Amino acid sequence: MNDLLERLQQQNLVWHATASVGKPAQGVFSSGFIELDKRLDGGFPQGVNEIQSVCGIGELRLLLPVFQQAMTEQRLVVLINPLAMLCSEALTTSGLELDKFLLVSPETDSDALWAAEQCLRSGACYSLVMWSQQPLAVHQIKRLQLACEAGNSLLFILRESKAESIALPLDLSLSLSAHEQGLSARINKRKRGWPSSSFTINMSSDWPTLTIARAPDNVIEFPQIKAG
């Protein structure tokens, strides 16, 4: 029995709750946000990352540091079936090269999954964002995970809510909601880690005009003088 456990540990098939404390996680990509990286033991895991979010609250701003890293490595960012036209001016202002973005618009869900798998596996793609509201099957997630591993790439599936009645073997599931300082996030599930309560991803230093400044905590209220 001990020999079996040892072999499983050597293959990273057994996870201990305290194993990652104080140690950087393997196979992760920094999100560029300190609080999120801290919660994820270093960043987004390589593989399939689900982001549940209402469209337009800052979910793409969350991924901008990932896109910037793709530019550094001279690899592509692939976008499949975005819900709206992206603002090229906003991308270039963030230091992103438009010729490193590939927009794909398949007509069917099966074509979208096929295109995603080919791009992720190619090695030319650093990260891929796919918008989908359709239920996914376990075998589809497994194929996408293998493609990410083969191409050393990241997949983000953006949708408003969970569409399946079964649990999927996602590497990460993250829920986002709007917050005055940026985004409020909650980890629903992740491999080799626990879910979390809600926490704030502060974007006020990068996008001050899109956030509300936090009131200073050093204000002292003077006592009011009562009339009469």
C-alpha atoms as a PDB file:
ATOM      1  CA  MET A   1       0.000   0.000   0.000  1.00  0.00           C
ATOM      2  CA  ASN A   2       2.815   2.416   0.879  1.00  0.00           C
ATOM      3  CA  ASP A   3       4.554   1.638  -2.417  1.00  0.00           C
ATOM      4  CA  LEU A   4       1.352   2.437  -4.311  1.00  0.00           C
ATOM      5  CA  LEU A   5       0.931   5.781  -2.510  1.00  0.00           C
ATOM      6  CA  GLU A   6       4.558   6.656  -3.198  1.00  0.00           C
ATOM      7  CA  ARG A   7       4.164   5.965  -6.915  1.00  0.00           C
ATOM      8  CA  LEU A   8       0.982   8.064  -7.045  1.00  0.00           C
ATOM      9  CA  GLN A   9       2.722  10.943  -5.267  1.00  0.00           C
ATOM     10  CA  GLN A  10       5.628  10.813  -7.708  1.00  0.00           C
ATOM     11  CA  GLN A  11       3.123  11.180 -10.560  1.00  0.00           C
ATOM     12  CA  ASN A  12       1.371  14.111  -8.796  1.00  0.00           C
ATOM     13  CA  LEU A  13      -1.815  12.065  -8.524  1.00  0.00           C
ATOM     14  CA  VAL A  14      -2.173  12.538  -4.776  1.00  0.00           C
ATOM     15  CA  TRP A  15      -2.700  16.018  -3.338  1.00  0.00           C
ATOM     16  CA  HIS A  16      -2.094  17.016   0.294  1.00  0.00           C
ATOM     17  CA  ALA A  17      -3.942  20.040   1.608  1.00  0.00           C
ATOM     18  CA  THR A  18      -0.755  21.532   3.047  1.00  0.00           C
ATOM     19  CA  ALA A  19       1.605  20.423   0.308  1.00  0.00           C
ATOM     20  CA  SER A  20       1.569  23.729  -1.548  1.00  0.00           C
ATOM     21  CA  VAL A  21       1.957  25.994   1.473  1.00  0.00           C
ATOM     22  CA  GLY A  22       5.042  28.144   0.977  1.00  0.00           C
ATOM     23  CA  LYS A  23       5.877  26.505  -2.355  1.00  0.00           C
ATOM     24  CA  PRO A  24       5.230  27.937  -5.829  1.00  0.00           C
ATOM     25  CA  ALA A  25       2.788  25.908  -7.874  1.00  0.00           C
ATOM     26  CA  GLN A  26       3.986  24.230 -11.040  1.00  0.00           C
ATOM     27  CA  GLY A  27       2.462  24.857 -14.470  1.00  0.00           C
ATOM     28  CA  VAL A  28       0.878  28.212 -13.660  1.00  0.00           C
ATOM     29  CA  PHE A  29       0.754  31.528 -15.536  1.00  0.00           C
ATOM     30  CA  SER A  30       0.756  34.738 -13.505  1.00  0.00           C
ATOM     31  CA  SER A  31      -2.514  36.674 -13.741  1.00  0.00           C
ATOM     32  CA  GLY A  32      -0.711  39.978 -13.172  1.00  0.00           C
ATOM     33  CA  PHE A  33      -2.851  40.711 -10.097  1.00  0.00           C
ATOM     34  CA  ILE A  34      -1.235  40.133  -6.711  1.00  0.00           C
ATOM     35  CA  GLU A  35      -4.376  39.129  -4.828  1.00  0.00           C
ATOM     36  CA  LEU A  36      -5.512  36.663  -7.487  1.00  0.00           C
ATOM     37  CA  ASP A  37      -2.048  35.107  -7.839  1.00  0.00           C
ATOM     38  CA  LYS A  38      -1.938  34.682  -4.070  1.00  0.00           C
ATOM     39  CA  ARG A  39      -5.279  32.877  -4.040  1.00  0.00           C
ATOM     40  CA  LEU A  40      -4.244  30.659  -6.965  1.00  0.00           C
ATOM     41  CA  ASP A  41      -0.769  29.798  -5.636  1.00  0.00           C
ATOM     42  CA  GLY A  42       0.982  31.673  -8.416  1.00  0.00           C
ATOM     43  CA  GLY A  43      -1.562  32.297 -11.148  1.00  0.00           C
ATOM     44  CA  PHE A  44      -3.864  30.681 -13.675  1.00  0.00           C
ATOM     45  CA  PRO A  45      -3.264  26.933 -14.056  1.00  0.00           C
ATOM     46  CA  GLN A  46      -2.325  25.597 -17.458  1.00  0.00           C
ATOM     47  CA  GLY A  47      -5.444  24.031 -18.918  1.00  0.00           C
ATOM     48  CA  VAL A  48      -9.135  24.908 -18.960  1.00  0.00           C
ATOM     49  CA  ASN A  49     -10.094  27.982 -16.934  1.00  0.00           C
ATOM     50  CA  GLU A  50     -13.809  28.800 -16.714  1.00  0.00           C
ATOM     51  CA  ILE A  51     -14.795  32.394 -15.945  1.00  0.00           C
ATOM     52  CA  GLN A  52     -18.437  32.995 -15.082  1.00  0.00           C
ATOM     53  CA  SER A  53     -19.168  36.678 -15.551  1.00  0.00           C
ATOM     54  CA  VAL A  54     -21.742  39.113 -16.851  1.00  0.00           C
ATOM     55  CA  CYS A  55     -20.418  40.621 -20.054  1.00  0.00           C
ATOM     56  CA  GLY A  56     -18.779  44.030 -19.819  1.00  0.00           C
ATOM     57  CA  ILE A  57     -17.850  44.316 -16.120  1.00  0.00           C
ATOM     58  CA  GLY A  58     -14.081  44.067 -16.664  1.00  0.00           C
ATOM     59  CA  GLU A  59     -13.585  40.380 -17.385  1.00  0.00           C
ATOM     60  CA  LEU A  60     -11.281  41.144 -20.325  1.00  0.00           C
ATOM     61  CA  ARG A  61      -9.309  43.696 -18.301  1.00  0.00           C
ATOM     62  CA  LEU A  62      -8.572  40.811 -15.964  1.00  0.00           C
ATOM     63  CA  LEU A  63      -6.915  38.959 -18.851  1.00  0.00           C
ATOM     64  CA  LEU A  64      -4.870  41.885 -20.227  1.00  0.00           C
ATOM     65  CA  PRO A  65      -1.676  40.900 -18.324  1.00  0.00           C
ATOM     66  CA  VAL A  66      -1.976  37.413 -19.839  1.00  0.00           C
ATOM     67  CA  PHE A  67      -2.311  38.976 -23.299  1.00  0.00           C
ATOM     68  CA  GLN A  68       0.727  41.171 -22.616  1.00  0.00           C
ATOM     69  CA  GLN A  69       2.775  38.108 -21.731  1.00  0.00           C
ATOM     70  CA  ALA A  70       1.756  36.570 -25.062  1.00  0.00           C
ATOM     71  CA  MET A  71       3.243  39.627 -26.793  1.00  0.00           C
ATOM     72  CA  THR A  72       6.490  39.157 -24.855  1.00  0.00           C
ATOM     73  CA  GLU A  73       6.729  35.563 -26.056  1.00  0.00           C
ATOM     74  CA  GLN A  74       5.726  36.540 -29.607  1.00  0.00           C
ATOM     75  CA  ARG A  75       2.788  34.120 -29.558  1.00  0.00           C
ATOM     76  CA  LEU A  76      -0.842  34.537 -30.515  1.00  0.00           C
ATOM     77  CA  VAL A  77      -3.957  35.384 -28.541  1.00  0.00           C
ATOM     78  CA  VAL A  78      -6.952  33.649 -30.138  1.00  0.00           C
ATOM     79  CA  LEU A  79     -10.513  34.899 -29.589  1.00  0.00           C
ATOM     80  CA  ILE A  80     -13.387  32.600 -30.557  1.00  0.00           C
ATOM     81  CA  ASN A  81     -16.921  33.982 -30.935  1.00  0.00           C
ATOM     82  CA  PRO A  82     -16.639  37.137 -28.772  1.00  0.00           C
ATOM     83  CA  LEU A  83     -20.006  38.561 -27.792  1.00  0.00           C
ATOM     84  CA  ALA A  84     -19.145  42.037 -29.124  1.00  0.00           C
ATOM     85  CA  MET A  85     -16.572  43.774 -31.272  1.00  0.00           C
ATOM     86  CA  LEU A  86     -13.345  44.433 -29.406  1.00  0.00           C
ATOM     87  CA  CYS A  87     -11.932  47.960 -29.235  1.00  0.00           C
ATOM     88  CA  SER A  88      -8.614  47.967 -31.086  1.00  0.00           C
ATOM     89  CA  GLU A  89      -7.678  51.334 -29.567  1.00  0.00           C
ATOM     90  CA  ALA A  90      -8.040  49.918 -26.045  1.00  0.00           C
ATOM     91  CA  LEU A  91      -5.802  46.971 -26.974  1.00  0.00           C
ATOM     92  CA  THR A  92      -3.051  49.135 -28.467  1.00  0.00           C
ATOM     93  CA  THR A  93      -3.216  51.548 -25.522  1.00  0.00           C
ATOM     94  CA  SER A  94      -2.494  48.565 -23.279  1.00  0.00           C
ATOM     95  CA  GLY A  95       0.668  47.840 -25.272  1.00  0.00           C
ATOM     96  CA  LEU A  96      -0.792  44.974 -27.275  1.00  0.00           C
ATOM     97  CA  GLU A  97       0.055  44.250 -30.913  1.00  0.00           C
ATOM     98  CA  LEU A  98      -3.046  43.773 -33.044  1.00  0.00           C
ATOM     99  CA  ASP A  99      -1.271  41.438 -35.448  1.00  0.00           C
ATOM    100  CA  LYS A 100      -0.824  38.980 -32.552  1.00  0.00           C
ATOM    101  CA  PHE A 101      -4.605  38.625 -32.186  1.00  0.00           C
ATOM    102  CA  LEU A 102      -6.552  36.056 -34.191  1.00  0.00           C
ATOM    103  CA  LEU A 103     -10.337  36.341 -34.296  1.00  0.00           C
ATOM    104  CA  VAL A 104     -12.208  33.138 -35.197  1.00  0.00           C
ATOM    105  CA  SER A 105     -15.977  32.963 -35.729  1.00  0.00           C
ATOM    106  CA  PRO A 106     -17.093  29.341 -36.264  1.00  0.00           C
ATOM    107  CA  GLU A 107     -20.719  28.779 -37.196  1.00  0.00           C
ATOM    108  CA  THR A 108     -21.375  25.843 -34.849  1.00  0.00           C
ATOM    109  CA  ASP A 109     -20.394  24.875 -31.314  1.00  0.00           C
ATOM    110  CA  SER A 110     -18.615  21.745 -32.546  1.00  0.00           C
ATOM    111  CA  ASP A 111     -16.586  23.833 -35.007  1.00  0.00           C
ATOM    112  CA  ALA A 112     -15.667  26.228 -32.192  1.00  0.00           C
ATOM    113  CA  LEU A 113     -14.390  23.367 -30.031  1.00  0.00           C
ATOM    114  CA  TRP A 114     -12.431  21.906 -32.957  1.00  0.00           C
ATOM    115  CA  ALA A 115     -10.845  25.287 -33.725  1.00  0.00           C
ATOM    116  CA  ALA A 116      -9.963  25.809 -30.059  1.00  0.00           C
ATOM    117  CA  GLU A 117      -8.283  22.415 -29.831  1.00  0.00           C
ATOM    118  CA  GLN A 118      -6.212  22.983 -32.965  1.00  0.00           C
ATOM    119  CA  CYS A 119      -5.061  26.446 -31.861  1.00  0.00           C
ATOM    120  CA  LEU A 120      -4.166  25.344 -28.332  1.00  0.00           C
ATOM    121  CA  ARG A 121      -2.236  22.343 -29.600  1.00  0.00           C
ATOM    122  CA  SER A 122      -0.317  24.273 -32.267  1.00  0.00           C
ATOM    123  CA  GLY A 123       2.281  25.884 -30.001  1.00  0.00           C
ATOM    124  CA  ALA A 124       1.753  29.238 -31.733  1.00  0.00           C
ATOM    125  CA  CYS A 125      -1.062  30.169 -29.339  1.00  0.00           C
ATOM    126  CA  TYR A 126      -0.235  31.461 -25.837  1.00  0.00           C
ATOM    127  CA  SER A 127      -3.813  31.964 -24.688  1.00  0.00           C
ATOM    128  CA  LEU A 128      -7.264  31.404 -26.139  1.00  0.00           C
ATOM    129  CA  VAL A 129     -10.530  32.967 -25.029  1.00  0.00           C
ATOM    130  CA  MET A 130     -13.743  31.263 -26.068  1.00  0.00           C
ATOM    131  CA  TRP A 131     -17.228  32.620 -25.372  1.00  0.00           C
ATOM    132  CA  SER A 132     -19.745  29.797 -24.973  1.00  0.00           C
ATOM    133  CA  GLN A 133     -23.080  29.361 -23.256  1.00  0.00           C
ATOM    134  CA  GLN A 134     -23.506  25.740 -24.351  1.00  0.00           C
ATOM    135  CA  PRO A 135     -23.110  22.748 -22.003  1.00  0.00           C
ATOM    136  CA  LEU A 136     -19.782  20.953 -22.290  1.00  0.00           C
ATOM    137  CA  ALA A 137     -19.056  17.261 -21.811  1.00  0.00           C
ATOM    138  CA  VAL A 138     -16.292  15.688 -19.750  1.00  0.00           C
ATOM    139  CA  HIS A 139     -14.555  14.240 -22.808  1.00  0.00           C
ATOM    140  CA  GLN A 140     -14.510  17.683 -24.462  1.00  0.00           C
ATOM    141  CA  ILE A 141     -12.796  19.227 -21.430  1.00  0.00           C
ATOM    142  CA  LYS A 142     -10.264  16.382 -21.401  1.00  0.00           C
ATOM    143  CA  ARG A 143      -9.395  16.948 -25.066  1.00  0.00           C
ATOM    144  CA  LEU A 144      -8.931  20.681 -24.473  1.00  0.00           C
ATOM    145  CA  GLN A 145      -6.708  19.999 -21.448  1.00  0.00           C
ATOM    146  CA  LEU A 146      -4.499  17.696 -23.508  1.00  0.00           C
ATOM    147  CA  ALA A 147      -4.280  20.346 -26.224  1.00  0.00           C
ATOM    148  CA  CYS A 148      -3.189  22.956 -23.641  1.00  0.00           C
ATOM    149  CA  GLU A 149      -0.529  20.599 -22.359  1.00  0.00           C
ATOM    150  CA  ALA A 150       0.755  19.833 -25.865  1.00  0.00           C
ATOM    151  CA  GLY A 151       0.954  23.508 -26.856  1.00  0.00           C
ATOM    152  CA  ASN A 152       1.920  24.975 -23.458  1.00  0.00           C
ATOM    153  CA  SER A 153      -1.122  27.224 -23.663  1.00  0.00           C
ATOM    154  CA  LEU A 154      -4.026  28.597 -21.634  1.00  0.00           C
ATOM    155  CA  LEU A 155      -7.739  28.353 -22.319  1.00  0.00           C
ATOM    156  CA  PHE A 156     -10.380  30.675 -20.857  1.00  0.00           C
ATOM    157  CA  ILE A 157     -14.039  29.828 -21.355  1.00  0.00           C
ATOM    158  CA  LEU A 158     -16.190  32.892 -20.671  1.00  0.00           C
ATOM    159  CA  ARG A 159     -19.890  32.489 -19.963  1.00  0.00           C
ATOM    160  CA  GLU A 160     -22.542  34.003 -17.756  1.00  0.00           C
ATOM    161  CA  SER A 161     -23.367  30.923 -15.711  1.00  0.00           C
ATOM    162  CA  LYS A 162     -22.741  27.214 -15.418  1.00  0.00           C
ATOM    163  CA  ALA A 163     -24.574  25.364 -18.170  1.00  0.00           C
ATOM    164  CA  GLU A 164     -24.063  21.728 -17.117  1.00  0.00           C
ATOM    165  CA  SER A 165     -25.899  19.535 -14.631  1.00  0.00           C
ATOM    166  CA  ILE A 166     -22.704  17.551 -13.993  1.00  0.00           C
ATOM    167  CA  ALA A 167     -19.359  18.517 -12.491  1.00  0.00           C
ATOM    168  CA  LEU A 168     -16.650  19.081 -15.081  1.00  0.00           C
ATOM    169  CA  PRO A 169     -12.934  18.388 -14.478  1.00  0.00           C
ATOM    170  CA  LEU A 170     -12.016  22.050 -14.958  1.00  0.00           C
ATOM    171  CA  ASP A 171      -8.596  23.248 -13.865  1.00  0.00           C
ATOM    172  CA  LEU A 172     -10.225  26.399 -12.487  1.00  0.00           C
ATOM    173  CA  SER A 173     -13.722  27.835 -12.204  1.00  0.00           C
ATOM    174  CA  LEU A 174     -13.887  31.501 -11.234  1.00  0.00           C
ATOM    175  CA  SER A 175     -16.952  33.709 -10.743  1.00  0.00           C
ATOM    176  CA  LEU A 176     -16.731  37.480 -11.200  1.00  0.00           C
ATOM    177  CA  SER A 177     -19.024  40.349 -10.282  1.00  0.00           C
ATOM    178  CA  ALA A 178     -18.655  44.116 -10.473  1.00  0.00           C
ATOM    179  CA  HIS A 179     -16.931  45.951  -7.629  1.00  0.00           C
ATOM    180  CA  GLU A 180     -16.219  49.649  -7.126  1.00  0.00           C
ATOM    181  CA  GLN A 181     -12.459  48.963  -6.952  1.00  0.00           C
ATOM    182  CA  GLY A 182     -12.469  46.545  -9.902  1.00  0.00           C
ATOM    183  CA  LEU A 183     -13.846  43.030  -9.587  1.00  0.00           C
ATOM    184  CA  SER A 184     -15.181  40.798  -6.865  1.00  0.00           C
ATOM    185  CA  ALA A 185     -14.045  37.214  -7.460  1.00  0.00           C
ATOM    186  CA  ARG A 186     -14.817  33.812  -5.999  1.00  0.00           C
ATOM    187  CA  ILE A 187     -13.052  30.526  -6.715  1.00  0.00           C
ATOM    188  CA  ASN A 188     -15.720  27.885  -7.291  1.00  0.00           C
ATOM    189  CA  LYS A 189     -13.296  24.999  -7.763  1.00  0.00           C
ATOM    190  CA  ARG A 190      -9.697  24.356  -8.712  1.00  0.00           C
ATOM    191  CA  LYS A 191      -7.363  21.424  -8.932  1.00  0.00           C
ATOM    192  CA  ARG A 192      -5.121  20.898  -5.914  1.00  0.00           C
ATOM    193  CA  GLY A 193      -6.850  23.688  -4.036  1.00  0.00           C
ATOM    194  CA  TRP A 194      -9.955  24.754  -2.194  1.00  0.00           C
ATOM    195  CA  PRO A 195     -12.850  27.005  -3.215  1.00  0.00           C
ATOM    196  CA  SER A 196     -12.807  30.478  -1.686  1.00  0.00           C
ATOM    197  CA  SER A 197     -15.091  33.139  -0.364  1.00  0.00           C
ATOM    198  CA  SER A 198     -15.382  36.396  -2.312  1.00  0.00           C
ATOM    199  CA  PHE A 199     -12.314  38.639  -2.518  1.00  0.00           C
ATOM    200  CA  THR A 200     -11.511  41.878  -4.336  1.00  0.00           C
ATOM    201  CA  ILE A 201      -9.243  42.232  -7.357  1.00  0.00           C
ATOM    202  CA  ASN A 202      -8.168  45.867  -7.155  1.00  0.00           C
ATOM    203  CA  MET A 203      -7.827  47.567 -10.540  1.00  0.00           C
ATOM    204  CA  SER A 204      -7.822  51.178  -9.331  1.00  0.00           C
ATOM    205  CA  SER A 205      -4.099  51.754  -9.960  1.00  0.00           C
ATOM    206  CA  ASP A 206      -4.309  50.560 -13.583  1.00  0.00           C
ATOM    207  CA  TRP A 207      -7.727  51.991 -14.476  1.00  0.00           C
ATOM    208  CA  PRO A 208      -8.487  54.828 -12.030  1.00  0.00           C
ATOM    209  CA  THR A 209     -11.190  56.314 -14.265  1.00  0.00           C
ATOM    210  CA  LEU A 210     -13.099  53.020 -14.292  1.00  0.00           C
ATOM    211  CA  THR A 211     -13.103  52.533 -10.528  1.00  0.00           C
ATOM    212  CA  ILE A 212     -14.218  54.457  -7.454  1.00  0.00           C
ATOM    213  CA  ALA A 213     -11.434  55.597  -5.158  1.00  0.00           C
ATOM    214  CA  ARG A 214     -11.566  54.114  -1.671  1.00  0.00           C
ATOM    215  CA  ALA A 215     -12.323  56.655   1.025  1.00  0.00           C
ATOM    216  CA  PRO A 216      -9.332  57.403   3.279  1.00  0.00           C
ATOM    217  CA  ASP A 217      -9.421  55.635   6.632  1.00  0.00           C
ATOM    218  CA  ASN A 218      -7.590  58.395   8.545  1.00  0.00           C
ATOM    219  CA  VAL A 219     -10.464  60.899   8.637  1.00  0.00           C
ATOM    220  CA  ILE A 220     -11.369  61.996  12.161  1.00  0.00           C
ATOM    221  CA  GLU A 221     -14.862  63.277  12.713  1.00  0.00           C
ATOM    222  CA  PHE A 222     -15.065  66.354  14.931  1.00  0.00           C
ATOM    223  CA  PRO A 223     -17.852  66.376  17.517  1.00  0.00           C
ATOM    224  CA  GLN A 224     -20.789  68.561  16.644  1.00  0.00           C
ATOM    225  CA  ILE A 225     -21.681  71.447  18.915  1.00  0.00           C
ATOM    226  CA  LYS A 226     -25.286  71.247  19.991  1.00  0.00           C
ATOM    227  CA  ALA A 227     -27.252  74.449  19.579  1.00  0.00           C
ATOM    228  CA  GLY A 228     -28.798  75.967  22.715  1.00  0.00           C
END
